[in-house]
């Protein structure tokens, strides 16, 4: 199993930082960036081979690659998405299909969370009957319109994932971290391809929905009250800076 980070996004709502940097390289604790936190978490659970999908301002990640590898004790493989500014992230994840084919723990490059999230996902995979795809789920947070909301079936498996859902219907929020087992990788890649070919503006979470709709199973691992934030705007960045200093 490898680590994986999606770091191709532009993050225009975080300007002026993202005038010259991808969102993943925005600092959240001194010189520590969102990407630093993600790599440190992956390394802490033993995932030192990490694939990073880059796109917008990819040269900024390349220029720091050696430093990032030395700082976190990881070996980075960069996958370039040349459509990162045109298409959504379903295509980004599909581009990395040969890498997650061996199994991967995926984290979004705009999510700040403690290593407890990775540990929760890895612990959940040991449970009998665990599906090949597991989503980290916040079932505690009060939800609003923007969140990537999830409903579960009677077995506790994902039934639906979308932002376009009444928050009152949701069982929780997907926080941007997924464990992908090797045996589920091919079916996931097929679902992702069908999704971006249908509409390249779709999210990779829509690919998870396609997987479920075509007979696949996606499970969840609840993270409890662990502090985390998806950094989309400057208010989120302030929250990230409040919590990142405690990691």
Protein backbone atom coordinates (compact mmCIF):
# COMPACT_ATOMS: atom_id res chain seq x y z
CA UNK A 1 0.00 0.00 0.00
CA UNK A 2 1.15 3.53 -0.80
CA UNK A 3 0.17 7.01 0.26
CA UNK A 4 -1.51 9.35 -2.19
CA UNK A 5 -2.22 13.09 -2.20
CA UNK A 6 -4.41 14.98 -4.66
CA UNK A 7 -2.67 18.34 -5.01
CA UNK A 8 -3.63 19.57 -8.48
CA UNK A 9 -6.20 22.19 -7.47
CA UNK A 10 -5.84 25.93 -7.91
CA UNK A 11 -7.76 27.15 -4.87
CA UNK A 12 -8.69 30.52 -6.31
CA UNK A 13 -10.58 31.52 -3.17
CA UNK A 14 -7.24 31.50 -1.33
CA UNK A 15 -5.63 34.23 -3.38
CA UNK A 16 -3.11 35.86 -3.15
CA UNK A 17 -1.40 32.69 -1.81
CA UNK A 18 -2.57 30.66 -4.78
CA UNK A 19 -1.51 33.19 -7.38
CA UNK A 20 1.84 31.37 -7.36
CA UNK A 21 1.16 28.17 -5.38
CA UNK A 22 -1.23 25.24 -5.56
CA UNK A 23 -3.61 25.07 -2.63
CA UNK A 24 -1.64 22.20 -1.08
CA UNK A 25 1.38 24.47 -0.56
CA UNK A 26 -0.45 27.17 1.35
CA UNK A 27 1.21 27.49 4.80
CA UNK A 28 -0.88 26.67 7.87
CA UNK A 29 1.71 26.67 10.69
CA UNK A 30 4.76 28.82 10.09
CA UNK A 31 6.42 27.31 7.01
CA UNK A 32 4.42 24.08 7.36
CA UNK A 33 2.01 23.64 4.46
CA UNK A 34 -1.12 21.54 4.00
CA UNK A 35 1.00 19.12 1.95
CA UNK A 36 3.57 18.87 4.75
CA UNK A 37 0.87 17.77 7.17
CA UNK A 38 -0.47 15.18 4.74
CA UNK A 39 2.97 13.71 4.06
CA UNK A 40 3.87 13.67 7.75
CA UNK A 41 0.66 11.79 8.54
CA UNK A 42 1.27 9.20 5.84
CA UNK A 43 4.85 8.69 6.94
CA UNK A 44 3.73 8.31 10.56
CA UNK A 45 1.65 5.25 9.62
CA UNK A 46 4.47 3.73 7.57
CA UNK A 47 3.38 4.84 4.08
CA UNK A 48 6.61 6.34 2.80
CA UNK A 49 6.03 5.75 -0.93
CA UNK A 50 3.67 8.57 -1.85
CA UNK A 51 2.13 9.50 -5.18
CA UNK A 52 1.18 13.17 -5.51
CA UNK A 53 -1.13 14.26 -8.32
CA UNK A 54 -0.10 17.76 -9.38
CA UNK A 55 -1.50 20.19 -11.92
CA UNK A 56 -1.93 23.88 -11.18
CA UNK A 57 1.48 25.41 -10.41
CA UNK A 58 3.00 21.94 -10.49
CA UNK A 59 6.46 23.43 -10.75
CA UNK A 60 6.14 24.69 -7.18
CA UNK A 61 5.78 21.10 -5.92
CA UNK A 62 8.59 19.85 -8.18
CA UNK A 63 10.94 22.53 -6.89
CA UNK A 64 10.30 21.37 -3.32
CA UNK A 65 10.27 17.64 -4.00
CA UNK A 66 13.73 16.87 -2.66
CA UNK A 67 13.17 18.96 0.46
CA UNK A 68 9.80 17.33 1.10
CA UNK A 69 11.31 13.86 0.71
CA UNK A 70 14.12 14.62 3.15
CA UNK A 71 11.90 16.41 5.65
CA UNK A 72 9.34 13.62 5.90
CA UNK A 73 11.37 10.54 5.01
CA UNK A 74 9.23 9.73 1.99
CA UNK A 75 9.78 8.98 -1.69
CA UNK A 76 7.51 11.03 -3.93
CA UNK A 77 6.20 10.14 -7.38
CA UNK A 78 4.50 13.03 -9.16
CA UNK A 79 1.64 12.41 -11.59
CA UNK A 80 0.81 15.43 -13.73
CA UNK A 81 -2.76 16.41 -14.58
CA UNK A 82 -2.58 18.73 -17.57
CA UNK A 83 -6.32 19.41 -17.33
CA UNK A 84 -6.33 20.44 -13.69
CA UNK A 85 -7.53 23.96 -14.48
CA UNK A 86 -10.25 22.74 -16.85
CA UNK A 87 -11.63 19.54 -15.33
CA UNK A 88 -12.55 18.47 -11.83
CA UNK A 89 -10.71 16.03 -9.57
CA UNK A 90 -12.38 12.81 -10.74
CA UNK A 91 -9.95 12.90 -13.64
CA UNK A 92 -7.05 13.59 -11.26
CA UNK A 93 -7.67 10.44 -9.27
CA UNK A 94 -8.22 8.35 -12.41
CA UNK A 95 -4.83 9.47 -13.73
CA UNK A 96 -3.25 7.82 -10.69
CA UNK A 97 -4.99 4.48 -11.26
CA UNK A 98 -1.75 2.58 -11.92
CA UNK A 99 -0.48 3.78 -8.57
CA UNK A 100 -3.52 3.02 -6.41
CA UNK A 101 -3.69 -0.39 -8.13
CA UNK A 102 -1.43 -1.68 -5.34
CA UNK A 103 -3.66 -0.16 -2.66
CA UNK A 104 -3.48 3.38 -1.36
CA UNK A 105 -4.43 5.67 1.46
CA UNK A 106 -5.61 8.82 -0.29
CA UNK A 107 -5.80 12.27 1.28
CA UNK A 108 -6.96 15.49 -0.31
CA UNK A 109 -4.32 18.17 -0.65
CA UNK A 110 -6.61 20.78 0.87
CA UNK A 111 -7.56 18.97 4.09
CA UNK A 112 -5.83 19.56 7.41
CA UNK A 113 -6.37 16.71 9.85
CA UNK A 114 -4.40 14.79 12.50
CA UNK A 115 -2.81 11.39 11.90
CA UNK A 116 -5.67 9.85 13.86
CA UNK A 117 -7.66 9.89 10.61
CA UNK A 118 -5.14 7.65 8.85
CA UNK A 119 -4.96 5.38 11.88
CA UNK A 120 -8.74 5.10 11.99
CA UNK A 121 -8.89 4.06 8.33
CA UNK A 122 -6.12 1.51 8.72
CA UNK A 123 -7.75 0.03 11.81
CA UNK A 124 -11.11 -0.23 10.05
CA UNK A 125 -9.64 -2.30 7.24
CA UNK A 126 -8.87 -5.06 9.74
CA UNK A 127 -12.54 -5.60 10.54
CA UNK A 128 -14.11 -8.72 9.08
CA UNK A 129 -16.01 -8.03 5.87
CA UNK A 130 -14.50 -4.58 5.41
CA UNK A 131 -15.20 -3.24 1.88
CA UNK A 132 -12.37 -2.47 -0.52
CA UNK A 133 -13.01 1.27 -0.34
CA UNK A 134 -13.34 3.02 3.03
CA UNK A 135 -14.19 6.69 3.53
CA UNK A 136 -13.27 8.71 6.61
CA UNK A 137 -16.59 10.06 7.91
CA UNK A 138 -17.33 12.87 10.33
CA UNK A 139 -20.68 11.92 11.88
CA UNK A 140 -20.47 14.61 14.56
CA UNK A 141 -20.26 17.92 12.69
CA UNK A 142 -23.37 19.98 12.00
CA UNK A 143 -23.73 20.02 8.23
CA UNK A 144 -24.67 22.77 5.78
CA UNK A 145 -24.96 23.10 2.00
CA UNK A 146 -21.28 23.00 0.96
CA UNK A 147 -20.24 19.75 2.66
CA UNK A 148 -19.74 16.44 0.82
CA UNK A 149 -22.56 14.59 2.55
CA UNK A 150 -23.02 10.83 2.88
CA UNK A 151 -26.00 8.58 3.58
CA UNK A 152 -25.62 4.98 4.68
CA UNK A 153 -27.70 1.87 4.12
CA UNK A 154 -28.89 -0.58 6.77
CA UNK A 155 -25.51 -2.35 6.67
CA UNK A 156 -23.60 0.85 7.31
CA UNK A 157 -22.30 1.05 3.74
CA UNK A 158 -22.40 4.18 1.62
CA UNK A 159 -25.66 4.62 -0.24
CA UNK A 160 -25.19 8.16 -1.54
CA UNK A 161 -22.48 10.83 -1.57
CA UNK A 162 -23.07 14.36 -2.84
CA UNK A 163 -23.07 17.99 -1.86
CA UNK A 164 -26.55 18.23 -3.36
CA UNK A 165 -28.40 16.76 -0.41
CA UNK A 166 -30.54 18.12 2.39
CA UNK A 167 -28.15 18.16 5.38
CA UNK A 168 -30.92 16.70 7.53
CA UNK A 169 -30.84 13.52 5.43
CA UNK A 170 -27.10 12.92 5.81
CA UNK A 171 -25.38 10.50 8.16
CA UNK A 172 -22.16 12.50 8.06
CA UNK A 173 -19.55 14.27 5.96
CA UNK A 174 -16.76 12.70 3.93
CA UNK A 175 -13.61 14.49 5.07
CA UNK A 176 -11.33 13.83 2.09
CA UNK A 177 -9.46 10.68 3.13
CA UNK A 178 -10.02 7.23 1.59
CA UNK A 179 -8.47 3.81 1.96
CA UNK A 180 -8.42 1.90 -1.34
CA UNK A 181 -7.58 -1.80 -1.21
CA UNK A 182 -5.74 -3.36 -4.15
CA UNK A 183 -8.59 -5.77 -4.89
CA UNK A 184 -11.02 -2.85 -5.33
CA UNK A 185 -8.72 -0.69 -7.45
CA UNK A 186 -9.71 -1.91 -10.91
CA UNK A 187 -13.44 -1.48 -10.29
CA UNK A 188 -12.82 1.98 -8.85
CA UNK A 189 -10.71 3.01 -11.85
CA UNK A 190 -13.49 1.84 -14.17
CA UNK A 191 -16.07 3.82 -12.21
CA UNK A 192 -13.90 6.94 -12.22
CA UNK A 193 -13.40 6.71 -15.98
CA UNK A 194 -17.13 6.31 -16.60
CA UNK A 195 -17.75 9.32 -14.38
CA UNK A 196 -15.32 11.81 -15.92
CA UNK A 197 -16.21 10.67 -19.43
CA UNK A 198 -19.85 11.41 -18.61
CA UNK A 199 -18.94 14.87 -17.28
CA UNK A 200 -15.34 16.00 -16.70
CA UNK A 201 -16.56 18.55 -14.14
CA UNK A 202 -17.55 15.83 -11.68
CA UNK A 203 -15.77 15.07 -8.41
CA UNK A 204 -14.02 11.80 -7.63
CA UNK A 205 -16.70 11.31 -5.01
CA UNK A 206 -19.11 11.03 -7.94
CA UNK A 207 -16.91 8.15 -9.02
CA UNK A 208 -17.56 6.51 -5.66
CA UNK A 209 -21.27 6.92 -6.35
CA UNK A 210 -20.84 5.29 -9.76
CA UNK A 211 -19.02 2.40 -8.09
CA UNK A 212 -21.90 1.85 -5.66
CA UNK A 213 -24.52 2.25 -8.40
CA UNK A 214 -22.82 -0.48 -10.43
CA UNK A 215 -22.71 -3.00 -7.60
CA UNK A 216 -19.59 -2.05 -5.69
CA UNK A 217 -19.37 -1.49 -1.95
CA UNK A 218 -17.98 1.57 -0.18
CA UNK A 219 -17.71 1.58 3.60
CA UNK A 220 -17.00 4.27 6.16
CA UNK A 221 -14.76 4.72 9.17
CA UNK A 222 -16.03 7.25 11.69
CA UNK A 223 -13.39 9.66 12.98
CA UNK A 224 -15.29 10.79 16.08
CA UNK A 225 -14.48 14.31 17.21
CA UNK A 226 -11.01 14.61 15.66
CA UNK A 227 -10.41 18.24 14.59
CA UNK A 228 -10.08 18.81 10.85
CA UNK A 229 -10.92 21.34 8.14
CA UNK A 230 -11.16 21.47 4.37
CA UNK A 231 -9.35 24.64 3.34
CA UNK A 232 -11.41 26.31 0.64
CA UNK A 233 -11.29 29.97 1.68
CA UNK A 234 -9.61 32.36 4.09
CA UNK A 235 -11.99 31.55 6.96
CA UNK A 236 -11.08 27.88 6.55
CA UNK A 237 -7.42 28.85 6.52
CA UNK A 238 -7.79 30.59 9.86
CA UNK A 239 -9.37 27.44 11.29
CA UNK A 240 -6.56 25.33 9.81
CA UNK A 241 -3.99 27.51 11.53
CA UNK A 242 -5.83 27.17 14.83
CA UNK A 243 -5.68 23.40 14.77
CA UNK A 244 -2.48 22.64 12.81
CA UNK A 245 -0.24 24.01 15.55
CA UNK A 246 -1.48 21.24 17.88
CA UNK A 247 -0.53 18.33 15.60
